[in-house]
Each structure stands twice: as C-alpha cells, then as structure tokens.
C-alpha atoms as a PDB file:
ATOM      1  CA  UNK A   1      -1.250   8.784  14.558  1.00  0.00           C
ATOM      2  CA  UNK A   2      -2.194   9.112  10.874  1.00  0.00           C
ATOM      3  CA  UNK A   3       1.133  10.874  10.260  1.00  0.00           C
ATOM      4  CA  UNK A   4       2.660   7.399  10.365  1.00  0.00           C
ATOM      5  CA  UNK A   5       3.129   6.228   6.727  1.00  0.00           C
ATOM      6  CA  UNK A   6       1.521   2.801   7.212  1.00  0.00           C
ATOM      7  CA  UNK A   7      -1.505   4.225   9.036  1.00  0.00           C
ATOM      8  CA  UNK A   8      -1.938   6.994   6.473  1.00  0.00           C
ATOM      9  CA  UNK A   9      -1.663   4.460   3.655  1.00  0.00           C
ATOM     10  CA  UNK A  10      -4.259   2.227   5.322  1.00  0.00           C
ATOM     11  CA  UNK A  11      -6.720   5.108   5.701  1.00  0.00           C
ATOM     12  CA  UNK A  12      -6.255   6.023   2.037  1.00  0.00           C
ATOM     13  CA  UNK A  13      -6.709   2.428   0.832  1.00  0.00           C
ATOM     14  CA  UNK A  14      -9.907   2.044   2.843  1.00  0.00           C
ATOM     15  CA  UNK A  15     -11.267   5.358   1.552  1.00  0.00           C
ATOM     16  CA  UNK A  16     -10.732   4.363  -2.083  1.00  0.00           C
ATOM     17  CA  UNK A  17     -11.615   0.654  -1.972  1.00  0.00           C
ATOM     18  CA  UNK A  18     -14.199  -0.541  -4.493  1.00  0.00           C
ATOM     19  CA  UNK A  19     -16.484  -2.036  -3.266  1.00  0.00           C
ATOM     20  CA  UNK A  20     -16.486   0.330  -0.276  1.00  0.00           C
ATOM     21  CA  UNK A  21     -15.272  -0.670   3.161  1.00  0.00           C
ATOM     22  CA  UNK A  22     -14.426   1.056   6.433  1.00  0.00           C
ATOM     23  CA  UNK A  23     -12.302   0.474   9.520  1.00  0.00           C
ATOM     24  CA  UNK A  24     -15.014  -1.604  11.173  1.00  0.00           C
ATOM     25  CA  UNK A  25     -15.605  -3.938   8.230  1.00  0.00           C
ATOM     26  CA  UNK A  26     -11.886  -4.235   7.546  1.00  0.00           C
ATOM     27  CA  UNK A  27     -11.291  -5.156  11.212  1.00  0.00           C
ATOM     28  CA  UNK A  28     -13.915  -7.902  11.045  1.00  0.00           C
ATOM     29  CA  UNK A  29     -12.425  -9.160   7.760  1.00  0.00           C
ATOM     30  CA  UNK A  30      -9.144  -9.653   9.652  1.00  0.00           C
ATOM     31  CA  UNK A  31     -10.873 -11.756  12.298  1.00  0.00           C
ATOM     32  CA  UNK A  32     -10.607  -8.982  14.897  1.00  0.00           C
ATOM     33  CA  UNK A  33     -13.178  -7.000  16.859  1.00  0.00           C
ATOM     34  CA  UNK A  34     -14.858  -4.062  15.122  1.00  0.00           C
ATOM     35  CA  UNK A  35     -12.673  -1.427  16.860  1.00  0.00           C
ATOM     36  CA  UNK A  36      -9.305  -3.055  16.175  1.00  0.00           C
ATOM     37  CA  UNK A  37      -8.182  -0.887  13.231  1.00  0.00           C
ATOM     38  CA  UNK A  38      -9.710   2.272  14.726  1.00  0.00           C
ATOM     39  CA  UNK A  39      -7.427   1.784  17.730  1.00  0.00           C
ATOM     40  CA  UNK A  40      -4.481   1.023  15.439  1.00  0.00           C
ATOM     41  CA  UNK A  41      -4.989   4.177  13.350  1.00  0.00           C
ATOM     42  CA  UNK A  42      -6.020   6.674  16.029  1.00  0.00           C
ATOM     43  CA  UNK A  43      -4.438   5.335  19.240  1.00  0.00           C
ATOM     44  CA  UNK A  44      -1.350   3.565  17.982  1.00  0.00           C
ATOM     45  CA  UNK A  45      -2.384   0.174  19.380  1.00  0.00           C
ATOM     46  CA  UNK A  46      -0.939  -2.195  18.364  1.00  0.00           C
ATOM     47  CA  UNK A  47       2.287  -0.430  17.465  1.00  0.00           C
ATOM     48  CA  UNK A  48       2.596  -2.514  14.311  1.00  0.00           C
ATOM     49  CA  UNK A  49       0.199  -4.800  12.473  1.00  0.00           C
ATOM     50  CA  UNK A  50       0.860  -8.449  13.304  1.00  0.00           C
ATOM     51  CA  UNK A  51       1.789 -10.547  10.318  1.00  0.00           C
ATOM     52  CA  UNK A  52      -1.468 -12.505  10.160  1.00  0.00           C
ATOM     53  CA  UNK A  53      -3.500  -9.281  10.315  1.00  0.00           C
ATOM     54  CA  UNK A  54      -1.359  -7.662   7.627  1.00  0.00           C
ATOM     55  CA  UNK A  55      -1.904 -10.522   5.175  1.00  0.00           C
ATOM     56  CA  UNK A  56      -5.641 -10.723   5.884  1.00  0.00           C
ATOM     57  CA  UNK A  57      -6.027  -6.954   5.577  1.00  0.00           C
ATOM     58  CA  UNK A  58      -4.051  -6.861   2.341  1.00  0.00           C
ATOM     59  CA  UNK A  59      -6.333  -9.566   0.928  1.00  0.00           C
ATOM     60  CA  UNK A  60      -9.418  -7.558   1.954  1.00  0.00           C
ATOM     61  CA  UNK A  61      -8.049  -4.388   0.344  1.00  0.00           C
ATOM     62  CA  UNK A  62      -6.700  -6.098  -2.771  1.00  0.00           C
ATOM     63  CA  UNK A  63      -3.088  -5.009  -2.295  1.00  0.00           C
ATOM     64  CA  UNK A  64       0.234  -6.700  -1.612  1.00  0.00           C
ATOM     65  CA  UNK A  65       0.960  -7.177   2.078  1.00  0.00           C
ATOM     66  CA  UNK A  66       4.246  -5.264   1.743  1.00  0.00           C
ATOM     67  CA  UNK A  67       2.219  -2.052   1.288  1.00  0.00           C
ATOM     68  CA  UNK A  68       1.223  -2.354   4.950  1.00  0.00           C
ATOM     69  CA  UNK A  69       4.673  -3.273   6.262  1.00  0.00           C
ATOM     70  CA  UNK A  70       6.685  -0.785   8.295  1.00  0.00           C
ATOM     71  CA  UNK A  71       9.752   0.611   6.542  1.00  0.00           C
ATOM     72  CA  UNK A  72      11.880  -0.009   9.622  1.00  0.00           C
ATOM     73  CA  UNK A  73      11.000  -3.540  10.753  1.00  0.00           C
ATOM     74  CA  UNK A  74      12.345  -4.793  14.062  1.00  0.00           C
ATOM     75  CA  UNK A  75      15.593  -6.783  13.831  1.00  0.00           C
ATOM     76  CA  UNK A  76      14.967 -10.420  12.949  1.00  0.00           C
ATOM     77  CA  UNK A  77      17.551 -13.071  13.812  1.00  0.00           C
ATOM     78  CA  UNK A  78      18.386 -15.174  10.792  1.00  0.00           C
ATOM     79  CA  UNK A  79      18.263 -18.951  10.903  1.00  0.00           C
ATOM     80  CA  UNK A  80      21.871 -20.154  11.368  1.00  0.00           C
ATOM     81  CA  UNK A  81      21.053 -23.429   9.627  1.00  0.00           C
ATOM     82  CA  UNK A  82      21.005 -23.915   5.835  1.00  0.00           C
ATOM     83  CA  UNK A  83      17.674 -23.547   4.072  1.00  0.00           C
ATOM     84  CA  UNK A  84      15.784 -26.835   3.634  1.00  0.00           C
ATOM     85  CA  UNK A  85      15.214 -28.065   0.067  1.00  0.00           C
ATOM     86  CA  UNK A  86      12.403 -26.297  -1.787  1.00  0.00           C
ATOM     87  CA  UNK A  87      12.461 -23.254   0.486  1.00  0.00           C
ATOM     88  CA  UNK A  88      14.152 -19.881   0.129  1.00  0.00           C
ATOM     89  CA  UNK A  89      14.826 -17.098   2.614  1.00  0.00           C
ATOM     90  CA  UNK A  90      13.679 -19.101   5.662  1.00  0.00           C
ATOM     91  CA  UNK A  91      13.882 -17.335   9.027  1.00  0.00           C
ATOM     92  CA  UNK A  92      13.605 -19.057  12.371  1.00  0.00           C
ATOM     93  CA  UNK A  93      11.986 -16.229  14.354  1.00  0.00           C
ATOM     94  CA  UNK A  94       9.932 -13.092  13.768  1.00  0.00           C
ATOM     95  CA  UNK A  95       8.364 -12.316  10.438  1.00  0.00           C
ATOM     96  CA  UNK A  96       8.528 -14.406   7.282  1.00  0.00           C
ATOM     97  CA  UNK A  97      11.015 -12.995   4.797  1.00  0.00           C
ATOM     98  CA  UNK A  98       9.627 -11.338   1.661  1.00  0.00           C
ATOM     99  CA  UNK A  99      11.650 -13.755  -0.495  1.00  0.00           C
ATOM    100  CA  UNK A 100      10.519 -16.958   1.221  1.00  0.00           C
ATOM    101  CA  UNK A 101       8.763 -19.261  -1.241  1.00  0.00           C
ATOM    102  CA  UNK A 102       7.261 -22.732  -1.079  1.00  0.00           C
ATOM    103  CA  UNK A 103       6.847 -25.116  -3.992  1.00  0.00           C
ATOM    104  CA  UNK A 104       3.623 -27.033  -4.654  1.00  0.00           C
ATOM    105  CA  UNK A 105       3.590 -30.002  -7.009  1.00  0.00           C
ATOM    106  CA  UNK A 106       0.976 -30.524  -9.706  1.00  0.00           C
ATOM    107  CA  UNK A 107      -0.766 -33.895  -9.607  1.00  0.00           C
ATOM    108  CA  UNK A 108      -1.232 -36.205 -12.553  1.00  0.00           C
ATOM    109  CA  UNK A 109      -4.957 -36.241 -13.428  1.00  0.00           C
ATOM    110  CA  UNK A 110      -5.296 -39.128 -15.891  1.00  0.00           C
ATOM    111  CA  UNK A 111      -4.099 -42.727 -16.316  1.00  0.00           C
ATOM    112  CA  UNK A 112      -3.222 -42.998 -12.635  1.00  0.00           C
ATOM    113  CA  UNK A 113      -1.254 -46.085 -11.591  1.00  0.00           C
ATOM    114  CA  UNK A 114      -3.518 -48.275  -9.436  1.00  0.00           C
ATOM    115  CA  UNK A 115      -0.855 -48.853  -6.787  1.00  0.00           C
ATOM    116  CA  UNK A 116      -0.005 -45.151  -6.264  1.00  0.00           C
ATOM    117  CA  UNK A 117      -1.750 -42.690  -3.942  1.00  0.00           C
ATOM    118  CA  UNK A 118      -3.414 -40.104  -6.254  1.00  0.00           C
ATOM    119  CA  UNK A 119      -2.300 -37.309  -3.892  1.00  0.00           C
ATOM    120  CA  UNK A 120       1.376 -38.260  -4.273  1.00  0.00           C
ATOM    121  CA  UNK A 121       3.199 -36.154  -6.904  1.00  0.00           C
ATOM    122  CA  UNK A 122       5.252 -37.984  -9.496  1.00  0.00           C
ATOM    123  CA  UNK A 123       9.021 -37.451  -9.649  1.00  0.00           C
ATOM    124  CA  UNK A 124       9.688 -34.494 -11.930  1.00  0.00           C
ATOM    125  CA  UNK A 125       6.136 -33.132 -11.575  1.00  0.00           C
ATOM    126  CA  UNK A 126       5.517 -29.472 -12.420  1.00  0.00           C
ATOM    127  CA  UNK A 127       5.996 -27.311  -9.329  1.00  0.00           C
ATOM    128  CA  UNK A 128       4.287 -24.004  -8.584  1.00  0.00           C
ATOM    129  CA  UNK A 129       5.934 -21.343  -6.436  1.00  0.00           C
ATOM    130  CA  UNK A 130       3.939 -19.305  -3.894  1.00  0.00           C
ATOM    131  CA  UNK A 131       4.879 -16.878  -1.092  1.00  0.00           C
ATOM    132  CA  UNK A 132       4.874 -18.809   2.183  1.00  0.00           C
ATOM    133  CA  UNK A 133       3.302 -15.896   4.043  1.00  0.00           C
ATOM    134  CA  UNK A 134       0.347 -15.808   1.627  1.00  0.00           C
ATOM    135  CA  UNK A 135      -0.204 -19.550   2.021  1.00  0.00           C
ATOM    136  CA  UNK A 136       0.059 -19.378   5.803  1.00  0.00           C
ATOM    137  CA  UNK A 137      -1.953 -16.255   6.536  1.00  0.00           C
ATOM    138  CA  UNK A 138      -4.268 -15.665   3.549  1.00  0.00           C
ATOM    139  CA  UNK A 139      -5.100 -19.298   2.762  1.00  0.00           C
ATOM    140  CA  UNK A 140      -4.542 -20.475   6.357  1.00  0.00           C
ATOM    141  CA  UNK A 141      -3.168 -23.733   5.002  1.00  0.00           C
ATOM    142  CA  UNK A 142      -0.308 -26.097   5.710  1.00  0.00           C
ATOM    143  CA  UNK A 143       2.010 -25.877   2.714  1.00  0.00           C
ATOM    144  CA  UNK A 144       2.878 -29.584   2.920  1.00  0.00           C
ATOM    145  CA  UNK A 145      -0.771 -30.556   2.342  1.00  0.00           C
ATOM    146  CA  UNK A 146      -1.292 -28.471  -0.809  1.00  0.00           C
ATOM    147  CA  UNK A 147      -1.374 -29.796  -4.382  1.00  0.00           C
ATOM    148  CA  UNK A 148      -2.162 -28.246  -7.770  1.00  0.00           C
ATOM    149  CA  UNK A 149      -4.579 -29.902 -10.214  1.00  0.00           C
ATOM    150  CA  UNK A 150      -5.388 -28.869 -13.791  1.00  0.00           C
ATOM    151  CA  UNK A 151      -8.961 -28.881 -15.109  1.00  0.00           C
ATOM    152  CA  UNK A 152      -9.727 -30.719 -18.346  1.00  0.00           C
ATOM    153  CA  UNK A 153     -13.233 -30.565 -19.815  1.00  0.00           C
ATOM    154  CA  UNK A 154     -16.392 -28.530 -19.337  1.00  0.00           C
ATOM    155  CA  UNK A 155     -18.257 -30.544 -16.694  1.00  0.00           C
ATOM    156  CA  UNK A 156     -17.740 -27.830 -14.054  1.00  0.00           C
ATOM    157  CA  UNK A 157     -18.605 -24.802 -16.182  1.00  0.00           C
ATOM    158  CA  UNK A 158     -19.356 -22.015 -15.474  1.00  0.00           C
ATOM    159  CA  UNK A 159     -17.628 -22.411 -12.103  1.00  0.00           C
ATOM    160  CA  UNK A 160     -14.456 -23.858 -13.623  1.00  0.00           C
ATOM    161  CA  UNK A 161     -13.208 -23.953 -17.194  1.00  0.00           C
ATOM    162  CA  UNK A 162     -10.900 -26.298 -19.031  1.00  0.00           C
ATOM    163  CA  UNK A 163      -7.351 -25.074 -18.492  1.00  0.00           C
ATOM    164  CA  UNK A 164      -8.002 -23.678 -15.015  1.00  0.00           C
ATOM    165  CA  UNK A 165      -5.757 -24.773 -12.177  1.00  0.00           C
ATOM    166  CA  UNK A 166      -7.046 -25.647  -8.715  1.00  0.00           C
ATOM    167  CA  UNK A 167      -5.053 -25.425  -5.519  1.00  0.00           C
ATOM    168  CA  UNK A 168      -6.379 -28.142  -3.220  1.00  0.00           C
ATOM    169  CA  UNK A 169      -5.839 -28.845   0.466  1.00  0.00           C
ATOM    170  CA  UNK A 170      -5.464 -32.588   1.005  1.00  0.00           C
ATOM    171  CA  UNK A 171      -5.989 -32.137   4.754  1.00  0.00           C
ATOM    172  CA  UNK A 172      -9.560 -30.963   4.102  1.00  0.00           C
ATOM    173  CA  UNK A 173     -11.592 -33.832   2.676  1.00  0.00           C
ATOM    174  CA  UNK A 174     -14.948 -33.589   4.468  1.00  0.00           C
ATOM    175  CA  UNK A 175     -17.673 -32.052   2.245  1.00  0.00           C
ATOM    176  CA  UNK A 176     -19.038 -29.926   5.063  1.00  0.00           C
ATOM    177  CA  UNK A 177     -19.582 -27.139   4.310  1.00  0.00           C
ATOM    178  CA  UNK A 178     -20.350 -27.832   0.631  1.00  0.00           C
ATOM    179  CA  UNK A 179     -17.660 -26.914  -1.850  1.00  0.00           C
ATOM    180  CA  UNK A 180     -15.564 -27.922  -4.832  1.00  0.00           C
ATOM    181  CA  UNK A 181     -13.390 -30.989  -4.290  1.00  0.00           C
ATOM    182  CA  UNK A 182     -11.042 -33.107  -6.356  1.00  0.00           C
ATOM    183  CA  UNK A 183     -11.981 -36.785  -6.274  1.00  0.00           C
ATOM    184  CA  UNK A 184     -10.659 -39.938  -7.909  1.00  0.00           C
ATOM    185  CA  UNK A 185     -13.026 -41.778 -10.241  1.00  0.00           C
ATOM    186  CA  UNK A 186     -10.752 -44.817 -10.446  1.00  0.00           C
ATOM    187  CA  UNK A 187      -9.119 -43.661 -13.680  1.00  0.00           C
ATOM    188  CA  UNK A 188      -8.120 -40.078 -12.994  1.00  0.00           C
ATOM    189  CA  UNK A 189      -8.756 -37.000 -10.894  1.00  0.00           C
ATOM    190  CA  UNK A 190     -11.828 -34.846 -11.486  1.00  0.00           C
ATOM    191  CA  UNK A 191     -13.288 -31.736  -9.846  1.00  0.00           C
ATOM    192  CA  UNK A 192     -16.860 -31.866  -8.559  1.00  0.00           C
ATOM    193  CA  UNK A 193     -19.133 -29.957  -6.191  1.00  0.00           C
ATOM    194  CA  UNK A 194     -19.865 -32.086  -3.120  1.00  0.00           C
ATOM    195  CA  UNK A 195     -22.567 -31.634  -0.511  1.00  0.00           C
ATOM    196  CA  UNK A 196     -23.728 -33.770   2.414  1.00  0.00           C
ATOM    197  CA  UNK A 197     -27.416 -34.703   2.318  1.00  0.00           C
ATOM    198  CA  UNK A 198     -28.887 -33.700   5.710  1.00  0.00           C
ATOM    199  CA  UNK A 199     -29.970 -36.481   8.067  1.00  0.00           C
ATOM    200  CA  UNK A 200     -28.646 -39.242   5.817  1.00  0.00           C
ATOM    201  CA  UNK A 201     -27.481 -42.359   7.674  1.00  0.00           C
ATOM    202  CA  UNK A 202     -25.141 -43.714   6.487  1.00  0.00           C
ATOM    203  CA  UNK A 203     -23.824 -40.424   5.117  1.00  0.00           C
ATOM    204  CA  UNK A 204     -24.825 -39.665   1.532  1.00  0.00           C
ATOM    205  CA  UNK A 205     -23.081 -37.072  -0.628  1.00  0.00           C
ATOM    206  CA  UNK A 206     -24.594 -35.257  -3.606  1.00  0.00           C
ATOM    207  CA  UNK A 207     -22.044 -34.975  -6.411  1.00  0.00           C
ATOM    208  CA  UNK A 208     -22.821 -32.065  -8.719  1.00  0.00           C
ATOM    209  CA  UNK A 209     -21.488 -31.300 -12.190  1.00  0.00           C
ATOM    210  CA  UNK A 210     -22.878 -27.862 -13.193  1.00  0.00           C
ATOM    211  CA  UNK A 211     -22.024 -28.438 -16.859  1.00  0.00           C
ATOM    212  CA  UNK A 212     -23.638 -31.882 -16.930  1.00  0.00           C
ATOM    213  CA  UNK A 213     -26.803 -31.651 -14.831  1.00  0.00           C
ATOM    214  CA  UNK A 214     -27.905 -35.173 -15.764  1.00  0.00           C
ATOM    215  CA  UNK A 215     -24.785 -36.577 -14.121  1.00  0.00           C
ATOM    216  CA  UNK A 216     -25.627 -35.251 -10.649  1.00  0.00           C
ATOM    217  CA  UNK A 217     -25.720 -38.322  -8.401  1.00  0.00           C
ATOM    218  CA  UNK A 218     -26.120 -39.325  -4.748  1.00  0.00           C
ATOM    219  CA  UNK A 219     -23.364 -41.610  -3.479  1.00  0.00           C
ATOM    220  CA  UNK A 220     -22.467 -43.025  -0.041  1.00  0.00           C
ATOM    221  CA  UNK A 221     -19.581 -41.066   1.431  1.00  0.00           C
ATOM    222  CA  UNK A 222     -17.582 -44.255   1.966  1.00  0.00           C
ATOM    223  CA  UNK A 223     -17.692 -44.936  -1.794  1.00  0.00           C
ATOM    224  CA  UNK A 224     -15.927 -41.674  -2.705  1.00  0.00           C
ATOM    225  CA  UNK A 225     -12.174 -41.158  -2.710  1.00  0.00           C
ATOM    226  CA  UNK A 226     -11.834 -37.470  -1.902  1.00  0.00           C
ATOM    227  CA  UNK A 227      -8.356 -36.078  -2.576  1.00  0.00           C
ATOM    228  CA  UNK A 228      -8.833 -32.548  -1.230  1.00  0.00           C
ATOM    229  CA  UNK A 229     -10.913 -29.378  -1.074  1.00  0.00           C
ATOM    230  CA  UNK A 230     -10.295 -26.594  -3.603  1.00  0.00           C
ATOM    231  CA  UNK A 231      -9.202 -23.400  -1.835  1.00  0.00           C
ATOM    232  CA  UNK A 232      -7.934 -21.240  -4.748  1.00  0.00           C
ATOM    233  CA  UNK A 233      -7.887 -21.340  -8.519  1.00  0.00           C
ATOM    234  CA  UNK A 234      -5.986 -19.709 -11.370  1.00  0.00           C
ATOM    235  CA  UNK A 235      -7.278 -18.898 -14.837  1.00  0.00           C
ATOM    236  CA  UNK A 236      -5.604 -17.530 -17.925  1.00  0.00           C
ATOM    237  CA  UNK A 237      -7.444 -14.492 -19.316  1.00  0.00           C
END
C-alpha cells in the first residue's frame, strides 16, 4: 500500500521527523489506537484519512494538512446557499474547503467601559483570519467562542512577552487543569497563570505572575472575572 502517494509521504515524514516518532506514537497523537496508522499504511484501512485525523497528524508532524490529502478527493456537494458573513468557501457536507476561513476579533485590553462585557469585541476591532479546519480539528475549539488578546508588559515573562498575541477560548473559564488565562482586573484585561488550590472550600485560585513573583496571590474563585483560557499564541521573531 506504500505505493499510494499519501501513504508513501506519511512514511517519509515519520522517518525524518525531529524529534523522532513512529507509526505507533503518531497514531496515539491522533487520538487513535496504537495500530491505526500501521493498518492505514500497510492494509489500506481506512481508505483515506478522516479529516480530524489528518489535521491532528499534520500538527504532530509539523506539516500542512494538505500534504496528507488525497489528490483525487471524493466529490463534495457545494452549499447552495450564499456564504454567511465572515466566512469563505463554506461547504455543507464532506470536507472543509481549503479556502474556508474564519475571522476572530481582537479584544480591547485597557480602559474598558464598565457597562460592556470584556469578551465582546468593539465595532471595527482588528480581526484575525484562521483556517476553519485548523481551528476545528487542531485546536478543537468553537470558532464563535474565540478571541484574540495582545500582551502588554513583562509580568508573564518568560512565558509570554510584551507584543505577543494570545488566542483565548471564552467557553473554557475553569482553571482546572492549571493554565494561562485572560482575566479582567476591573480596568483592563491581563494574562495570568491560574491554578486551583486543592481541597479549598470555598474554591481558592492561585494567581501567578512569573515576571512579578511578589504579586502571586490567592483569591476566591468567585472574586475573579475569567474571560477565557489561552489555547495558542503568536510571537514576532
């Protein structure tokens, strides 16, 4: 079955990945059993990589998902209805089109109006464009719940630097497991590491600022306005 271009390409990518991987580890990275890719490569099952597997595998191998797409995809019926605003190349069935994009608004981080939800983008806010397939299958997120936030200051160094941009999921606001979150301090939006303190009742959260160790504090969960969990970040080199 390795005569098939996609299978041959997959074998080559796995053989040359740095750090090393193999069919077993790559299968597990896709959320499948350890023999999944061995059966795909050597037995032809499944015939083609499902879309979610292709995106997860591409992320594991550090390549674009199109590298693992068959050259002769099955016919896909196009959506007969016009594309909704902010979307391009939408299809109603089958695979997501290569040109389908979603747009994520950047939130205002300072001088927030007191009567406005901090997670609500302002009219005319900067919008970031991302492939819908990457958001859906690599990030496993609902596009409508995502927002972009810029980092200002050094309180989160070395984890985050001033000028970085965080993609946050506003559907994920519980600090379990621990992670980096964007919270409102009453004046603006700031990024902090949050962690539940075990066995605390009522729930207590440890707020960490790696760049300002003296500012690490324990606060009741109910006293924190959590906007969303950080799931990806961008940095200019």
